[in-house]
Structure formats: C-alpha cells, structure tokens
Amino acid sequence: MLTESDILKALRDCYDPVLPCNIVDLGLIRSVTITRDLDAPGTNIPGVPQKHIIELSLTPTQTDEPSQAQLVAQITHRLAGLETVSRTNIVVLETPIWTPLNITPSGRKTLGLDGNPNLVQIR
C-alpha cells in the first residue's frame, strides 16, 4: 500500500530551483492525498499492483513561472517513476507564502542554518 511517507521519501530527490535543498526539508509540501485509481489498467486483477492518484499542494520558494514550472516538472517526473502511481495532480499555492521558518531541522543543517532557528539569511 502506497503511503504519504513513500511519497515524501521519493520527493526528497526533488530540489528547489534556487536553494540547494530538497523540497521536503525546505517545507514546501503542504499536503499529500493518495487515492486509488479505479480506472487504471489492471485494476482488480490479481498480481497487478494497485495504481494511485497523488494530489499534492505546495508553496514554492520562488513566485516566478519558470521556477514553479521546473518544480512541478521535477515532482511529476519523480512520482511517475513509482510503479504504483498512475497520475499526479499538483496545486501551487500562493498563500501561505514560504518562509525559512518552514525549513526542517535536517534542511537547516543542509543549508548551514542549524545554529540559529531564527536565522533567515542563507549563506
């Protein structure tokens, strides 16, 4: 069974177009919804893996179209590589805006911000 944890693990391979950190640790992912794709080829045939539709919402670090398009393409292609994903729908949220306070402790360490949780400047 495909889980949110599986999706987030795969998304750790996707990086922000500007910041050198994966989108999960940057805190860009706002929600993940997984539903069975009842129209996928092979549904209910024994031995054929069940396919899922992934609904994902995220807040990007950059508001320009090229950066957002790059981010959406990365996510779409990465999740298409999972055998049990048939389709991914991505919603790019304008609010709430992303701030460095969304970064996980692991992401802060990657970016060299781990010494100060209130530090917003990235070296």
C-alpha atoms as a PDB file:
ATOM      1  CA  MET A   1       0.000   0.000   0.000  1.00  0.00           C
ATOM      2  CA  LEU A   2       1.363   3.402  -1.014  1.00  0.00           C
ATOM      3  CA  THR A   3       1.718   5.829   1.917  1.00  0.00           C
ATOM      4  CA  GLU A   4       2.408   9.521   2.402  1.00  0.00           C
ATOM      5  CA  SER A   5       5.787   8.507   3.797  1.00  0.00           C
ATOM      6  CA  ASP A   6       6.598   6.753   0.481  1.00  0.00           C
ATOM      7  CA  ILE A   7       5.696   9.898  -1.436  1.00  0.00           C
ATOM      8  CA  LEU A   8       7.751  12.168   0.814  1.00  0.00           C
ATOM      9  CA  LYS A   9      10.713   9.800   0.566  1.00  0.00           C
ATOM     10  CA  ALA A  10      10.560   9.991  -3.238  1.00  0.00           C
ATOM     11  CA  LEU A  11      10.196  13.778  -3.148  1.00  0.00           C
ATOM     12  CA  ARG A  12      13.474  14.095  -1.246  1.00  0.00           C
ATOM     13  CA  ASP A  13      15.044  13.607  -4.706  1.00  0.00           C
ATOM     14  CA  CYS A  14      13.430  16.863  -5.920  1.00  0.00           C
ATOM     15  CA  TYR A  15      15.318  20.086  -5.291  1.00  0.00           C
ATOM     16  CA  ASP A  16      14.303  23.707  -5.196  1.00  0.00           C
ATOM     17  CA  PRO A  17      15.393  25.604  -8.342  1.00  0.00           C
ATOM     18  CA  VAL A  18      17.305  28.166  -6.238  1.00  0.00           C
ATOM     19  CA  LEU A  19      18.086  26.755  -2.793  1.00  0.00           C
ATOM     20  CA  PRO A  20      20.388  23.700  -2.583  1.00  0.00           C
ATOM     21  CA  CYS A  21      17.996  21.588  -0.515  1.00  0.00           C
ATOM     22  CA  ASN A  22      15.229  19.083  -1.241  1.00  0.00           C
ATOM     23  CA  ILE A  23      11.635  20.288  -1.267  1.00  0.00           C
ATOM     24  CA  VAL A  24      10.588  18.145   1.703  1.00  0.00           C
ATOM     25  CA  ASP A  25      13.248  19.548   4.020  1.00  0.00           C
ATOM     26  CA  LEU A  26      12.547  23.071   2.772  1.00  0.00           C
ATOM     27  CA  GLY A  27       8.957  22.602   3.949  1.00  0.00           C
ATOM     28  CA  LEU A  28       7.387  23.256   0.549  1.00  0.00           C
ATOM     29  CA  ILE A  29       4.945  20.339   0.708  1.00  0.00           C
ATOM     30  CA  ARG A  30       1.680  21.409   2.347  1.00  0.00           C
ATOM     31  CA  SER A  31      -0.459  18.323   1.777  1.00  0.00           C
ATOM     32  CA  VAL A  32      -0.402  14.911   0.151  1.00  0.00           C
ATOM     33  CA  THR A  33      -3.540  12.932  -0.669  1.00  0.00           C
ATOM     34  CA  ILE A  34      -3.411   9.416  -2.061  1.00  0.00           C
ATOM     35  CA  THR A  35      -6.467   7.792  -3.652  1.00  0.00           C
ATOM     36  CA  ARG A  36      -6.857   4.522  -5.514  1.00  0.00           C
ATOM     37  CA  ASP A  37      -7.135   4.915  -9.271  1.00  0.00           C
ATOM     38  CA  LEU A  38     -10.105   2.704 -10.044  1.00  0.00           C
ATOM     39  CA  ASP A  39      -9.789   3.461 -13.775  1.00  0.00           C
ATOM     40  CA  ALA A  40      -6.141   2.380 -14.094  1.00  0.00           C
ATOM     41  CA  PRO A  41      -5.368  -0.531 -16.382  1.00  0.00           C
ATOM     42  CA  GLY A  42      -5.225  -3.799 -14.463  1.00  0.00           C
ATOM     43  CA  THR A  43      -7.360  -2.633 -11.546  1.00  0.00           C
ATOM     44  CA  ASN A  44      -8.638  -5.609  -9.529  1.00  0.00           C
ATOM     45  CA  ILE A  45      -6.564  -8.123 -11.485  1.00  0.00           C
ATOM     46  CA  PRO A  46      -4.624 -10.399  -9.117  1.00  0.00           C
ATOM     47  CA  GLY A  47      -0.885  -9.777  -9.267  1.00  0.00           C
ATOM     48  CA  VAL A  48      -1.188  -6.324 -10.820  1.00  0.00           C
ATOM     49  CA  PRO A  49      -0.101  -3.558  -8.415  1.00  0.00           C
ATOM     50  CA  GLN A  50      -2.851  -1.143  -7.450  1.00  0.00           C
ATOM     51  CA  LYS A  51      -2.352   2.302  -9.001  1.00  0.00           C
ATOM     52  CA  HIS A  52      -2.891   5.571  -7.153  1.00  0.00           C
ATOM     53  CA  ILE A  53      -3.599   9.211  -7.911  1.00  0.00           C
ATOM     54  CA  ILE A  54      -1.470  11.659  -5.950  1.00  0.00           C
ATOM     55  CA  GLU A  55      -2.863  15.087  -5.080  1.00  0.00           C
ATOM     56  CA  LEU A  56      -0.129  17.380  -3.840  1.00  0.00           C
ATOM     57  CA  SER A  57      -0.175  21.005  -2.729  1.00  0.00           C
ATOM     58  CA  LEU A  58       2.954  23.045  -2.210  1.00  0.00           C
ATOM     59  CA  THR A  59       4.171  26.542  -1.530  1.00  0.00           C
ATOM     60  CA  PRO A  60       7.184  27.401  -3.715  1.00  0.00           C
ATOM     61  CA  THR A  61      10.141  29.483  -2.578  1.00  0.00           C
ATOM     62  CA  GLN A  62      10.034  31.444  -5.845  1.00  0.00           C
ATOM     63  CA  THR A  63       6.981  33.070  -7.410  1.00  0.00           C
ATOM     64  CA  ASP A  64       8.260  33.282 -10.983  1.00  0.00           C
ATOM     65  CA  GLU A  65       6.713  30.968 -13.568  1.00  0.00           C
ATOM     66  CA  PRO A  66       9.916  29.258 -14.792  1.00  0.00           C
ATOM     67  CA  SER A  67      10.911  28.220 -11.248  1.00  0.00           C
ATOM     68  CA  GLN A  68       7.441  26.933 -10.500  1.00  0.00           C
ATOM     69  CA  ALA A  69       7.287  25.036 -13.807  1.00  0.00           C
ATOM     70  CA  GLN A  70      10.659  23.426 -13.059  1.00  0.00           C
ATOM     71  CA  LEU A  71       9.459  22.400  -9.603  1.00  0.00           C
ATOM     72  CA  VAL A  72       6.191  20.914 -10.923  1.00  0.00           C
ATOM     73  CA  ALA A  73       8.043  19.034 -13.679  1.00  0.00           C
ATOM     74  CA  GLN A  74      10.537  17.550 -11.200  1.00  0.00           C
ATOM     75  CA  ILE A  75       7.758  16.338  -8.916  1.00  0.00           C
ATOM     76  CA  THR A  76       5.648  14.949 -11.748  1.00  0.00           C
ATOM     77  CA  HIS A  77       8.562  13.045 -13.270  1.00  0.00           C
ATOM     78  CA  ARG A  78       9.813  11.715  -9.935  1.00  0.00           C
ATOM     79  CA  LEU A  79       6.425  10.361  -8.886  1.00  0.00           C
ATOM     80  CA  ALA A  80       5.808   8.927 -12.369  1.00  0.00           C
ATOM     81  CA  GLY A  81       8.790   6.692 -11.635  1.00  0.00           C
ATOM     82  CA  LEU A  82       6.886   4.959  -8.823  1.00  0.00           C
ATOM     83  CA  GLU A  83       5.227   1.781 -10.058  1.00  0.00           C
ATOM     84  CA  THR A  84       2.046   2.360  -8.089  1.00  0.00           C
ATOM     85  CA  VAL A  85       1.451   5.988  -9.169  1.00  0.00           C
ATOM     86  CA  SER A  86      -0.744   6.473 -12.220  1.00  0.00           C
ATOM     87  CA  ARG A  87      -1.190  10.245 -12.085  1.00  0.00           C
ATOM     88  CA  THR A  88      -0.067  13.262 -10.074  1.00  0.00           C
ATOM     89  CA  ASN A  89      -2.023  16.492  -9.682  1.00  0.00           C
ATOM     90  CA  ILE A  90      -0.103  19.436  -8.232  1.00  0.00           C
ATOM     91  CA  VAL A  91      -1.564  22.641  -6.850  1.00  0.00           C
ATOM     92  CA  VAL A  92       0.861  25.519  -6.369  1.00  0.00           C
ATOM     93  CA  LEU A  93      -0.386  27.685  -3.507  1.00  0.00           C
ATOM     94  CA  GLU A  94       0.134  31.430  -3.415  1.00  0.00           C
ATOM     95  CA  THR A  95      -0.655  31.574   0.299  1.00  0.00           C
ATOM     96  CA  PRO A  96       0.607  30.981   2.819  1.00  0.00           C
ATOM     97  CA  ILE A  97       3.920  32.220   1.466  1.00  0.00           C
ATOM     98  CA  TRP A  98       7.014  30.145   2.100  1.00  0.00           C
ATOM     99  CA  THR A  99       9.471  31.437   4.692  1.00  0.00           C
ATOM    100  CA  PRO A 100      12.742  29.994   6.036  1.00  0.00           C
ATOM    101  CA  LEU A 101      10.819  29.116   9.206  1.00  0.00           C
ATOM    102  CA  ASN A 102       9.271  26.229   7.179  1.00  0.00           C
ATOM    103  CA  ILE A 103      12.655  24.509   6.838  1.00  0.00           C
ATOM    104  CA  THR A 104      13.032  21.264   8.801  1.00  0.00           C
ATOM    105  CA  PRO A 105      15.976  20.745  11.183  1.00  0.00           C
ATOM    106  CA  SER A 106      17.586  18.498   8.544  1.00  0.00           C
ATOM    107  CA  GLY A 107      17.132  21.169   5.886  1.00  0.00           C
ATOM    108  CA  ARG A 108      18.563  23.829   8.198  1.00  0.00           C
ATOM    109  CA  LYS A 109      21.631  21.649   8.677  1.00  0.00           C
ATOM    110  CA  THR A 110      21.985  21.141   4.901  1.00  0.00           C
ATOM    111  CA  LEU A 111      21.814  24.905   4.355  1.00  0.00           C
ATOM    112  CA  GLY A 112      24.151  25.719   7.236  1.00  0.00           C
ATOM    113  CA  LEU A 113      21.398  27.333   9.321  1.00  0.00           C
ATOM    114  CA  ASP A 114      21.277  24.818  12.159  1.00  0.00           C
ATOM    115  CA  GLY A 115      22.918  27.012  14.780  1.00  0.00           C
ATOM    116  CA  ASN A 116      20.090  29.546  14.955  1.00  0.00           C
ATOM    117  CA  PRO A 117      16.410  28.593  14.426  1.00  0.00           C
ATOM    118  CA  ASN A 118      15.502  32.250  13.806  1.00  0.00           C
ATOM    119  CA  LEU A 119      18.201  32.876  11.195  1.00  0.00           C
ATOM    120  CA  VAL A 120      16.646  33.746   7.849  1.00  0.00           C
ATOM    121  CA  GLN A 121      19.763  34.653   5.895  1.00  0.00           C
ATOM    122  CA  ILE A 122      21.150  31.769   3.864  1.00  0.00           C
ATOM    123  CA  ARG A 123      24.911  31.614   3.414  1.00  0.00           C
END
